[in-house]
Amino acid sequence: MSLPRQLRDKSDFDQLPNEVPVSANIADAQEKSGFTSYYVFVIEVKTKGGGRYLIFRRYRQFYALHSKLEERYGAENKSNTFAFTLPVLPGKVYVGAKKEIAESRIPILNIYMKKLLCLPSWVLMDEDLRLFFYQSEFDCEQVPKGLRRLRPRTRRVKSIMHQEPGFDRMAAPRAEALFDFLGTSTLELNFKKGDLIYLLSRINKDWLEGTVHNATGIFPCAFVKIIQDLPPEEGTINWLRCYYQDDTVSIIRDISVEEDLSSTPLFKDLMALMRYSTGRWRRCSHYWMQRFTPRHIS
């Protein structure tokens, strides 16, 4: 991508409203009952302004959105001067177990949403796309369950902490449960809606550790409302070390890595991370960027 185009795309993105979705990830697939049973995908959406919320979508809603975008922007639309190739949506499956079908679609739909939200900035303003990722009143009324795919890879739980004399409950970090949560292992904390949970630590941006009813465990942040947050602390920072070597130049650059980056990221994700980390790197030519060799360190 040429430098003028990079700068133009960045300028267009900066002008987008803060509520525009920029990333989405399926946290779970939940069974629902109606005239027939079906599965919905619980999706965590993140906005340009830093907001995060959950939406619930069936596969047919993905299909309807894709059909509208294909009709409007697809390569077959000869009358549209802004036509481009849309990401591939997994096709319909007419025979098979519903649970297995839903589970098999999760990684493909995650890739689909990622590519969809990486389209040009003006596409993110499309009315149908924004409605799909908008948290409706229906979404707010839904009760999430396990959110299995947001769980941290490492679950390290402390022993129950005894309260010291003079313990001030009103000043202690705590949260109120918004929904019932039933853990799937002994490391996860069980609680009911309305329970007051005392916070012990932040595992990552999606999970907390706390204690309630003389039990200690981890639980998803989406299930609680923070009353008194934990004090800021210096946590472990993951770093990406990048090397550039030329006949006359040798550069080493360390970049802090957010948790959103996969443990085995794609090469283009690493390139995007390096380009946007500093202005100096954004000014590097495409040739230079190709010759950086990224490696994980911590």
C-alpha atoms as a PDB file:
ATOM      1  CA  MET A   1       0.000   0.000   0.000  1.00  0.00           C
ATOM      2  CA  SER A   2       1.412   3.402  -0.991  1.00  0.00           C
ATOM      3  CA  LEU A   3       2.170   6.023   1.652  1.00  0.00           C
ATOM      4  CA  PRO A   4      -0.486   8.519   0.376  1.00  0.00           C
ATOM      5  CA  ARG A   5      -3.128   5.794   0.525  1.00  0.00           C
ATOM      6  CA  GLN A   6      -2.067   4.782   4.056  1.00  0.00           C
ATOM      7  CA  LEU A   7      -2.344   8.375   5.242  1.00  0.00           C
ATOM      8  CA  ARG A   8      -5.685   8.844   3.493  1.00  0.00           C
ATOM      9  CA  ASP A   9      -7.135   5.662   5.007  1.00  0.00           C
ATOM     10  CA  LYS A  10      -5.924   6.665   8.474  1.00  0.00           C
ATOM     11  CA  SER A  11      -7.456  10.131   8.078  1.00  0.00           C
ATOM     12  CA  ASP A  12     -10.786   8.615   6.993  1.00  0.00           C
ATOM     13  CA  PHE A  13     -10.753   6.253   9.977  1.00  0.00           C
ATOM     14  CA  ASP A  14      -9.991   9.070  12.435  1.00  0.00           C
ATOM     15  CA  GLN A  15     -13.111  10.905  11.252  1.00  0.00           C
ATOM     16  CA  LEU A  16     -15.457   7.979  11.961  1.00  0.00           C
ATOM     17  CA  PRO A  17     -17.869   8.306  14.931  1.00  0.00           C
ATOM     18  CA  ASN A  18     -16.729   6.643  18.162  1.00  0.00           C
ATOM     19  CA  GLU A  19     -19.668   4.205  18.146  1.00  0.00           C
ATOM     20  CA  VAL A  20     -18.614   2.583  14.859  1.00  0.00           C
ATOM     21  CA  PRO A  21     -17.661  -1.105  15.394  1.00  0.00           C
ATOM     22  CA  VAL A  22     -14.013  -1.904  14.713  1.00  0.00           C
ATOM     23  CA  SER A  23     -13.733  -5.516  15.925  1.00  0.00           C
ATOM     24  CA  ALA A  24     -16.028  -8.407  16.802  1.00  0.00           C
ATOM     25  CA  ASN A  25     -15.394 -11.863  18.222  1.00  0.00           C
ATOM     26  CA  ILE A  26     -17.759 -14.760  18.948  1.00  0.00           C
ATOM     27  CA  ALA A  27     -17.647 -15.537  22.665  1.00  0.00           C
ATOM     28  CA  ASP A  28     -20.027 -18.495  22.625  1.00  0.00           C
ATOM     29  CA  ALA A  29     -22.844 -20.288  20.808  1.00  0.00           C
ATOM     30  CA  GLN A  30     -26.035 -20.671  22.853  1.00  0.00           C
ATOM     31  CA  GLU A  31     -29.091 -22.813  22.202  1.00  0.00           C
ATOM     32  CA  LYS A  32     -32.451 -21.048  22.105  1.00  0.00           C
ATOM     33  CA  SER A  33     -35.945 -22.507  22.116  1.00  0.00           C
ATOM     34  CA  GLY A  34     -38.817 -21.284  19.994  1.00  0.00           C
ATOM     35  CA  PHE A  35     -41.049 -23.039  17.489  1.00  0.00           C
ATOM     36  CA  THR A  36     -37.904 -25.106  16.960  1.00  0.00           C
ATOM     37  CA  SER A  37     -34.576 -25.056  18.765  1.00  0.00           C
ATOM     38  CA  TYR A  38     -31.774 -23.036  17.199  1.00  0.00           C
ATOM     39  CA  TYR A  39     -28.375 -21.564  18.070  1.00  0.00           C
ATOM     40  CA  VAL A  40     -27.348 -17.926  18.368  1.00  0.00           C
ATOM     41  CA  PHE A  41     -23.810 -16.597  18.396  1.00  0.00           C
ATOM     42  CA  VAL A  42     -22.879 -14.378  21.348  1.00  0.00           C
ATOM     43  CA  ILE A  43     -20.616 -11.702  19.873  1.00  0.00           C
ATOM     44  CA  GLU A  44     -18.454  -9.235  21.768  1.00  0.00           C
ATOM     45  CA  VAL A  45     -18.270  -5.987  19.786  1.00  0.00           C
ATOM     46  CA  LYS A  46     -15.666  -3.270  20.342  1.00  0.00           C
ATOM     47  CA  THR A  47     -16.136   0.256  19.036  1.00  0.00           C
ATOM     48  CA  LYS A  48     -13.707   2.915  17.841  1.00  0.00           C
ATOM     49  CA  GLY A  49     -14.321   4.866  21.049  1.00  0.00           C
ATOM     50  CA  GLY A  50     -13.340   1.907  23.248  1.00  0.00           C
ATOM     51  CA  GLY A  51     -16.865   0.715  24.086  1.00  0.00           C
ATOM     52  CA  ARG A  52     -17.605  -3.002  24.456  1.00  0.00           C
ATOM     53  CA  TYR A  53     -20.924  -4.845  24.462  1.00  0.00           C
ATOM     54  CA  LEU A  54     -22.560  -8.166  23.569  1.00  0.00           C
ATOM     55  CA  ILE A  55     -24.937  -8.866  20.692  1.00  0.00           C
ATOM     56  CA  PHE A  56     -26.780 -12.083  19.802  1.00  0.00           C
ATOM     57  CA  ARG A  57     -27.055 -13.095  16.135  1.00  0.00           C
ATOM     58  CA  ARG A  58     -28.274 -16.147  14.237  1.00  0.00           C
ATOM     59  CA  TYR A  59     -26.541 -17.423  11.128  1.00  0.00           C
ATOM     60  CA  ARG A  60     -29.446 -16.300   8.967  1.00  0.00           C
ATOM     61  CA  GLN A  61     -28.784 -12.708  10.091  1.00  0.00           C
ATOM     62  CA  PHE A  62     -25.186 -13.051   8.887  1.00  0.00           C
ATOM     63  CA  TYR A  63     -26.531 -14.408   5.590  1.00  0.00           C
ATOM     64  CA  ALA A  64     -29.044 -11.550   5.212  1.00  0.00           C
ATOM     65  CA  LEU A  65     -26.335  -8.944   5.860  1.00  0.00           C
ATOM     66  CA  HIS A  66     -23.964 -10.573   3.385  1.00  0.00           C
ATOM     67  CA  SER A  67     -26.679 -10.706   0.707  1.00  0.00           C
ATOM     68  CA  LYS A  68     -27.389  -6.977   1.096  1.00  0.00           C
ATOM     69  CA  LEU A  69     -23.700  -6.065   0.979  1.00  0.00           C
ATOM     70  CA  GLU A  70     -23.161  -8.323  -2.037  1.00  0.00           C
ATOM     71  CA  GLU A  71     -26.057  -6.690  -3.858  1.00  0.00           C
ATOM     72  CA  ARG A  72     -24.791  -3.209  -3.020  1.00  0.00           C
ATOM     73  CA  TYR A  73     -21.006  -3.556  -3.311  1.00  0.00           C
ATOM     74  CA  GLY A  74     -20.361  -6.941  -4.916  1.00  0.00           C
ATOM     75  CA  ALA A  75     -18.227  -7.325  -8.025  1.00  0.00           C
ATOM     76  CA  GLU A  76     -21.303  -8.396 -10.019  1.00  0.00           C
ATOM     77  CA  ASN A  77     -22.901  -4.981  -9.497  1.00  0.00           C
ATOM     78  CA  LYS A  78     -21.696  -3.325 -12.705  1.00  0.00           C
ATOM     79  CA  SER A  79     -23.446  -0.035 -11.943  1.00  0.00           C
ATOM     80  CA  ASN A  80     -21.495   0.517  -8.710  1.00  0.00           C
ATOM     81  CA  THR A  81     -18.161   2.262  -9.176  1.00  0.00           C
ATOM     82  CA  PHE A  82     -17.182   1.329  -5.597  1.00  0.00           C
ATOM     83  CA  ALA A  83     -17.506  -2.430  -6.088  1.00  0.00           C
ATOM     84  CA  PHE A  84     -15.008  -4.669  -4.271  1.00  0.00           C
ATOM     85  CA  THR A  85     -14.613  -8.287  -3.202  1.00  0.00           C
ATOM     86  CA  LEU A  86     -16.419  -9.132   0.024  1.00  0.00           C
ATOM     87  CA  PRO A  87     -15.061 -11.722   2.493  1.00  0.00           C
ATOM     88  CA  VAL A  88     -16.357 -15.264   2.130  1.00  0.00           C
ATOM     89  CA  LEU A  89     -19.325 -16.262   4.303  1.00  0.00           C
ATOM     90  CA  PRO A  90     -19.734 -19.980   5.165  1.00  0.00           C
ATOM     91  CA  GLY A  91     -22.586 -21.487   3.172  1.00  0.00           C
ATOM     92  CA  LYS A  92     -25.866 -22.857   4.446  1.00  0.00           C
ATOM     93  CA  VAL A  93     -25.934 -26.389   5.877  1.00  0.00           C
ATOM     94  CA  TYR A  94     -29.216 -28.254   5.560  1.00  0.00           C
ATOM     95  CA  VAL A  95     -28.353 -31.593   7.191  1.00  0.00           C
ATOM     96  CA  GLY A  96     -26.525 -32.265  10.455  1.00  0.00           C
ATOM     97  CA  ALA A  97     -26.565 -31.725  14.213  1.00  0.00           C
ATOM     98  CA  LYS A  98     -27.299 -28.073  15.013  1.00  0.00           C
ATOM     99  CA  LYS A  99     -24.741 -27.820  17.807  1.00  0.00           C
ATOM    100  CA  GLU A 100     -21.898 -29.212  15.704  1.00  0.00           C
ATOM    101  CA  ILE A 101     -22.851 -26.960  12.790  1.00  0.00           C
ATOM    102  CA  ALA A 102     -22.852 -23.874  15.027  1.00  0.00           C
ATOM    103  CA  GLU A 103     -19.494 -24.788  16.592  1.00  0.00           C
ATOM    104  CA  SER A 104     -17.884 -25.393  13.202  1.00  0.00           C
ATOM    105  CA  ARG A 105     -19.036 -21.989  11.975  1.00  0.00           C
ATOM    106  CA  ILE A 106     -17.461 -19.997  14.835  1.00  0.00           C
ATOM    107  CA  PRO A 107     -13.855 -19.721  13.523  1.00  0.00           C
ATOM    108  CA  ILE A 108     -15.048 -18.984   9.971  1.00  0.00           C
ATOM    109  CA  LEU A 109     -17.509 -16.320  11.138  1.00  0.00           C
ATOM    110  CA  ASN A 110     -14.778 -14.733  13.274  1.00  0.00           C
ATOM    111  CA  ILE A 111     -12.579 -14.426  10.193  1.00  0.00           C
ATOM    112  CA  TYR A 112     -15.541 -13.091   8.208  1.00  0.00           C
ATOM    113  CA  MET A 113     -16.280 -10.340  10.759  1.00  0.00           C
ATOM    114  CA  LYS A 114     -12.600  -9.430  11.057  1.00  0.00           C
ATOM    115  CA  LYS A 115     -12.257  -8.965   7.299  1.00  0.00           C
ATOM    116  CA  LEU A 116     -15.601  -7.167   7.115  1.00  0.00           C
ATOM    117  CA  LEU A 117     -14.546  -4.590   9.696  1.00  0.00           C
ATOM    118  CA  CYS A 118     -11.207  -4.084   7.911  1.00  0.00           C
ATOM    119  CA  LEU A 119     -12.937  -2.845   4.754  1.00  0.00           C
ATOM    120  CA  PRO A 120     -12.589   0.841   3.765  1.00  0.00           C
ATOM    121  CA  SER A 121     -13.837   3.328   6.341  1.00  0.00           C
ATOM    122  CA  TRP A 122     -16.824   4.395   4.268  1.00  0.00           C
ATOM    123  CA  VAL A 123     -18.104   0.799   4.246  1.00  0.00           C
ATOM    124  CA  LEU A 124     -18.191   0.818   8.060  1.00  0.00           C
ATOM    125  CA  MET A 125     -20.796   3.579   7.786  1.00  0.00           C
ATOM    126  CA  ASP A 126     -23.135   1.348   5.766  1.00  0.00           C
ATOM    127  CA  GLU A 127     -26.563   1.363   7.425  1.00  0.00           C
ATOM    128  CA  ASP A 128     -27.134  -2.404   7.291  1.00  0.00           C
ATOM    129  CA  LEU A 129     -23.659  -3.178   8.606  1.00  0.00           C
ATOM    130  CA  ARG A 130     -24.050  -0.756  11.513  1.00  0.00           C
ATOM    131  CA  LEU A 131     -27.503  -2.156  12.362  1.00  0.00           C
ATOM    132  CA  PHE A 132     -26.070  -5.678  12.427  1.00  0.00           C
ATOM    133  CA  PHE A 133     -23.441  -4.721  15.019  1.00  0.00           C
ATOM    134  CA  TYR A 134     -25.727  -2.343  16.956  1.00  0.00           C
ATOM    135  CA  GLN A 135     -26.754  -3.460  20.454  1.00  0.00           C
ATOM    136  CA  SER A 136     -30.544  -3.496  20.286  1.00  0.00           C
ATOM    137  CA  GLU A 137     -33.040  -3.649  23.136  1.00  0.00           C
ATOM    138  CA  PHE A 138     -33.378  -7.367  22.390  1.00  0.00           C
ATOM    139  CA  ASP A 139     -29.625  -7.830  22.896  1.00  0.00           C
ATOM    140  CA  CYS A 140     -29.758  -6.004  26.241  1.00  0.00           C
ATOM    141  CA  GLU A 141     -32.493  -8.348  27.478  1.00  0.00           C
ATOM    142  CA  GLN A 142     -30.537 -11.515  26.696  1.00  0.00           C
ATOM    143  CA  VAL A 143     -28.643 -13.365  29.424  1.00  0.00           C
ATOM    144  CA  PRO A 144     -25.205 -14.683  28.396  1.00  0.00           C
ATOM    145  CA  LYS A 145     -23.996 -18.001  29.769  1.00  0.00           C
ATOM    146  CA  GLY A 146     -20.423 -19.212  29.810  1.00  0.00           C
ATOM    147  CA  LEU A 147     -18.698 -17.082  27.155  1.00  0.00           C
ATOM    148  CA  ARG A 148     -16.284 -19.981  26.749  1.00  0.00           C
ATOM    149  CA  ARG A 149     -14.121 -18.416  24.058  1.00  0.00           C
ATOM    150  CA  LEU A 150     -13.254 -15.365  26.154  1.00  0.00           C
ATOM    151  CA  ARG A 151     -11.710 -17.412  28.947  1.00  0.00           C
ATOM    152  CA  PRO A 152      -8.036 -16.793  29.672  1.00  0.00           C
ATOM    153  CA  ARG A 153      -5.653 -19.534  28.593  1.00  0.00           C
ATOM    154  CA  THR A 154      -3.994 -19.550  32.019  1.00  0.00           C
ATOM    155  CA  ARG A 155      -6.193 -19.813  35.097  1.00  0.00           C
ATOM    156  CA  ARG A 156      -4.244 -19.125  38.240  1.00  0.00           C
ATOM    157  CA  VAL A 157      -6.479 -18.758  41.289  1.00  0.00           C
ATOM    158  CA  LYS A 158      -5.307 -17.502  44.646  1.00  0.00           C
ATOM    159  CA  SER A 159      -6.275 -19.058  47.955  1.00  0.00           C
ATOM    160  CA  ILE A 160      -9.119 -17.462  49.886  1.00  0.00           C
ATOM    161  CA  MET A 161      -7.937 -14.288  51.570  1.00  0.00           C
ATOM    162  CA  HIS A 162      -8.846 -13.834  55.231  1.00  0.00           C
ATOM    163  CA  GLN A 163     -10.103 -10.385  56.059  1.00  0.00           C
ATOM    164  CA  GLU A 164      -7.806  -8.439  58.314  1.00  0.00           C
ATOM    165  CA  PRO A 165      -9.092  -6.529  61.361  1.00  0.00           C
ATOM    166  CA  GLY A 166     -10.455  -3.161  60.337  1.00  0.00           C
ATOM    167  CA  PHE A 167     -11.362  -4.389  56.832  1.00  0.00           C
ATOM    168  CA  ASP A 168     -13.491  -1.667  55.203  1.00  0.00           C
ATOM    169  CA  ARG A 169     -16.120  -3.339  53.027  1.00  0.00           C
ATOM    170  CA  MET A 170     -17.315  -0.032  51.575  1.00  0.00           C
ATOM    171  CA  ALA A 171     -13.819   0.862  50.346  1.00  0.00           C
ATOM    172  CA  ALA A 172     -12.928  -2.602  49.035  1.00  0.00           C
ATOM    173  CA  PRO A 173     -12.947  -3.268  45.264  1.00  0.00           C
ATOM    174  CA  ARG A 174     -16.252  -4.977  44.523  1.00  0.00           C
ATOM    175  CA  ALA A 175     -18.793  -5.680  41.795  1.00  0.00           C
ATOM    176  CA  GLU A 176     -22.477  -6.574  41.579  1.00  0.00           C
ATOM    177  CA  ALA A 177     -23.544  -9.639  39.585  1.00  0.00           C
ATOM    178  CA  LEU A 178     -25.808  -8.752  36.650  1.00  0.00           C
ATOM    179  CA  PHE A 179     -26.561 -12.375  35.730  1.00  0.00           C
ATOM    180  CA  ASP A 180     -26.272 -15.844  37.223  1.00  0.00           C
ATOM    181  CA  PHE A 181     -22.939 -17.466  36.415  1.00  0.00           C
ATOM    182  CA  LEU A 182     -22.310 -21.193  36.769  1.00  0.00           C
ATOM    183  CA  GLY A 183     -18.667 -22.076  36.239  1.00  0.00           C
ATOM    184  CA  THR A 184     -17.682 -25.117  34.224  1.00  0.00           C
ATOM    185  CA  SER A 185     -14.704 -25.972  36.451  1.00  0.00           C
ATOM    186  CA  THR A 186     -13.583 -25.579  40.067  1.00  0.00           C
ATOM    187  CA  LEU A 187     -11.430 -22.608  39.038  1.00  0.00           C
ATOM    188  CA  GLU A 188     -14.471 -20.526  38.094  1.00  0.00           C
ATOM    189  CA  LEU A 189     -16.600 -18.639  40.621  1.00  0.00           C
ATOM    190  CA  ASN A 190     -20.322 -19.415  40.885  1.00  0.00           C
ATOM    191  CA  PHE A 191     -22.715 -16.613  41.796  1.00  0.00           C
ATOM    192  CA  LYS A 192     -26.308 -15.444  41.463  1.00  0.00           C
ATOM    193  CA  LYS A 193     -27.708 -12.224  40.057  1.00  0.00           C
ATOM    194  CA  GLY A 194     -27.443  -9.503  42.700  1.00  0.00           C
ATOM    195  CA  ASP A 195     -24.529 -11.090  44.602  1.00  0.00           C
ATOM    196  CA  LEU A 196     -21.814  -8.718  45.823  1.00  0.00           C
ATOM    197  CA  ILE A 197     -18.412  -9.982  44.709  1.00  0.00           C
ATOM    198  CA  TYR A 198     -15.197  -8.683  46.270  1.00  0.00           C
ATOM    199  CA  LEU A 199     -12.492  -8.304  43.644  1.00  0.00           C
ATOM    200  CA  LEU A 200      -8.998  -9.712  44.160  1.00  0.00           C
ATOM    201  CA  SER A 201      -7.251  -9.166  40.837  1.00  0.00           C
ATOM    202  CA  ARG A 202      -7.703  -8.616  37.120  1.00  0.00           C
ATOM    203  CA  ILE A 203      -6.728 -11.704  35.137  1.00  0.00           C
ATOM    204  CA  ASN A 204      -6.990  -9.906  31.796  1.00  0.00           C
ATOM    205  CA  LYS A 205      -9.332  -7.390  30.197  1.00  0.00           C
ATOM    206  CA  ASP A 206     -12.130  -9.986  29.948  1.00  0.00           C
ATOM    207  CA  TRP A 207     -11.816 -11.879  33.261  1.00  0.00           C
ATOM    208  CA  LEU A 208     -11.598 -10.957  36.945  1.00  0.00           C
ATOM    209  CA  GLU A 209     -10.775 -12.895  40.097  1.00  0.00           C
ATOM    210  CA  GLY A 210     -12.984 -12.438  43.132  1.00  0.00           C
ATOM    211  CA  THR A 211     -14.562 -13.983  46.193  1.00  0.00           C
ATOM    212  CA  VAL A 212     -18.167 -14.499  47.290  1.00  0.00           C
ATOM    213  CA  HIS A 213     -19.827 -16.923  49.740  1.00  0.00           C
ATOM    214  CA  ASN A 214     -16.395 -18.044  51.040  1.00  0.00           C
ATOM    215  CA  ALA A 215     -15.325 -19.174  47.570  1.00  0.00           C
ATOM    216  CA  THR A 216     -12.687 -17.736  45.259  1.00  0.00           C
ATOM    217  CA  GLY A 217     -12.460 -18.008  41.479  1.00  0.00           C
ATOM    218  CA  ILE A 218     -12.402 -16.264  38.136  1.00  0.00           C
ATOM    219  CA  PHE A 219     -15.392 -14.952  36.194  1.00  0.00           C
ATOM    220  CA  PRO A 220     -16.085 -12.880  33.031  1.00  0.00           C
ATOM    221  CA  CYS A 221     -16.288  -9.099  33.375  1.00  0.00           C
ATOM    222  CA  ALA A 222     -19.411  -9.032  31.190  1.00  0.00           C
ATOM    223  CA  PHE A 223     -21.418 -10.681  33.986  1.00  0.00           C
ATOM    224  CA  VAL A 224     -20.879  -7.950  36.587  1.00  0.00           C
ATOM    225  CA  LYS A 225     -21.139  -4.204  37.134  1.00  0.00           C
ATOM    226  CA  ILE A 226     -18.095  -2.662  38.795  1.00  0.00           C
ATOM    227  CA  ILE A 227     -18.955  -0.692  41.944  1.00  0.00           C
ATOM    228  CA  GLN A 228     -15.414  -0.016  43.173  1.00  0.00           C
ATOM    229  CA  ASP A 229     -12.686  -0.883  40.690  1.00  0.00           C
ATOM    230  CA  LEU A 230      -9.340  -2.450  41.500  1.00  0.00           C
ATOM    231  CA  PRO A 231      -6.446  -0.004  41.887  1.00  0.00           C
ATOM    232  CA  PRO A 232      -4.202   0.295  38.830  1.00  0.00           C
ATOM    233  CA  GLU A 233      -1.288  -2.071  38.931  1.00  0.00           C
ATOM    234  CA  GLU A 234       1.669  -2.893  36.781  1.00  0.00           C
ATOM    235  CA  GLY A 235       0.838  -6.099  35.027  1.00  0.00           C
ATOM    236  CA  THR A 236       2.830  -8.317  32.716  1.00  0.00           C
ATOM    237  CA  ILE A 237       3.382  -6.699  29.346  1.00  0.00           C
ATOM    238  CA  ASN A 238       3.802  -8.803  26.222  1.00  0.00           C
ATOM    239  CA  TRP A 239       6.276  -7.452  23.721  1.00  0.00           C
ATOM    240  CA  LEU A 240       6.844  -8.074  20.052  1.00  0.00           C
ATOM    241  CA  ARG A 241      10.503  -7.716  19.051  1.00  0.00           C
ATOM    242  CA  CYS A 242      11.047  -6.762  15.421  1.00  0.00           C
ATOM    243  CA  TYR A 243      14.350  -6.840  13.578  1.00  0.00           C
ATOM    244  CA  TYR A 244      15.344  -4.966  10.435  1.00  0.00           C
ATOM    245  CA  GLN A 245      18.702  -5.780   8.901  1.00  0.00           C
ATOM    246  CA  ASP A 246      20.239  -4.257   5.809  1.00  0.00           C
ATOM    247  CA  ASP A 247      23.751  -3.957   4.419  1.00  0.00           C
ATOM    248  CA  THR A 248      24.295  -0.712   6.317  1.00  0.00           C
ATOM    249  CA  VAL A 249      21.451  -0.596   8.878  1.00  0.00           C
ATOM    250  CA  SER A 250      20.431  -2.789  11.796  1.00  0.00           C
ATOM    251  CA  ILE A 251      17.321  -1.807  13.791  1.00  0.00           C
ATOM    252  CA  ILE A 252      15.626  -3.524  16.735  1.00  0.00           C
ATOM    253  CA  ARG A 253      12.219  -2.262  17.878  1.00  0.00           C
ATOM    254  CA  ASP A 254      10.052  -3.576  20.756  1.00  0.00           C
ATOM    255  CA  ILE A 255       6.284  -3.001  20.560  1.00  0.00           C
ATOM    256  CA  SER A 256       3.798  -3.682  23.344  1.00  0.00           C
ATOM    257  CA  VAL A 257       1.202  -6.235  22.259  1.00  0.00           C
ATOM    258  CA  GLU A 258      -2.479  -6.098  23.227  1.00  0.00           C
ATOM    259  CA  GLU A 259      -4.311  -9.270  24.216  1.00  0.00           C
ATOM    260  CA  ASP A 260      -6.410  -9.075  21.048  1.00  0.00           C
ATOM    261  CA  LEU A 261      -3.421 -10.271  19.029  1.00  0.00           C
ATOM    262  CA  SER A 262      -3.565 -14.018  18.486  1.00  0.00           C
ATOM    263  CA  SER A 263      -0.873 -16.227  20.010  1.00  0.00           C
ATOM    264  CA  THR A 264      -0.059 -17.237  16.418  1.00  0.00           C
ATOM    265  CA  PRO A 265      -0.852 -14.021  14.511  1.00  0.00           C
ATOM    266  CA  LEU A 266      -0.955 -13.755  10.752  1.00  0.00           C
ATOM    267  CA  PHE A 267       1.963 -12.011   9.051  1.00  0.00           C
ATOM    268  CA  LYS A 268      -0.289  -9.183   7.842  1.00  0.00           C
ATOM    269  CA  ASP A 269      -1.481  -8.614  11.447  1.00  0.00           C
ATOM    270  CA  LEU A 270       2.130  -8.192  12.549  1.00  0.00           C
ATOM    271  CA  MET A 271       2.769  -5.792   9.685  1.00  0.00           C
ATOM    272  CA  ALA A 272      -0.288  -3.722  10.613  1.00  0.00           C
ATOM    273  CA  LEU A 273       0.842  -3.624  14.250  1.00  0.00           C
ATOM    274  CA  MET A 274       4.267  -2.339  13.269  1.00  0.00           C
ATOM    275  CA  ARG A 275       2.921   0.237  10.831  1.00  0.00           C
ATOM    276  CA  TYR A 276       0.598   1.849  13.347  1.00  0.00           C
ATOM    277  CA  SER A 277       2.843   1.632  16.404  1.00  0.00           C
ATOM    278  CA  THR A 278       4.872   4.733  15.579  1.00  0.00           C
ATOM    279  CA  GLY A 279       4.766   7.432  12.944  1.00  0.00           C
ATOM    280  CA  ARG A 280       8.334   6.641  11.954  1.00  0.00           C
ATOM    281  CA  TRP A 281       7.429   3.119  10.951  1.00  0.00           C
ATOM    282  CA  ARG A 282       4.386   4.281   9.018  1.00  0.00           C
ATOM    283  CA  ARG A 283       6.781   6.314   6.877  1.00  0.00           C
ATOM    284  CA  CYS A 284       8.808   3.238   6.024  1.00  0.00           C
ATOM    285  CA  SER A 285       8.318   1.936   2.509  1.00  0.00           C
ATOM    286  CA  HIS A 286       6.519  -1.318   1.796  1.00  0.00           C
ATOM    287  CA  TYR A 287       9.885  -2.819   0.816  1.00  0.00           C
ATOM    288  CA  TRP A 288      11.392  -2.038   4.207  1.00  0.00           C
ATOM    289  CA  MET A 289       8.367  -3.328   6.092  1.00  0.00           C
ATOM    290  CA  GLN A 290       8.543  -6.656   4.278  1.00  0.00           C
ATOM    291  CA  ARG A 291      12.072  -7.171   5.567  1.00  0.00           C
ATOM    292  CA  PHE A 292      11.256  -6.751   9.248  1.00  0.00           C
ATOM    293  CA  THR A 293      11.316 -10.060  11.078  1.00  0.00           C
ATOM    294  CA  PRO A 294       8.913 -10.077  14.083  1.00  0.00           C
ATOM    295  CA  ARG A 295       9.478 -12.349  17.074  1.00  0.00           C
ATOM    296  CA  HIS A 296       7.530 -12.699  20.307  1.00  0.00           C
ATOM    297  CA  ILE A 297       9.174 -11.863  23.607  1.00  0.00           C
ATOM    298  CA  SER A 298       7.676 -11.078  27.002  1.00  0.00           C
END
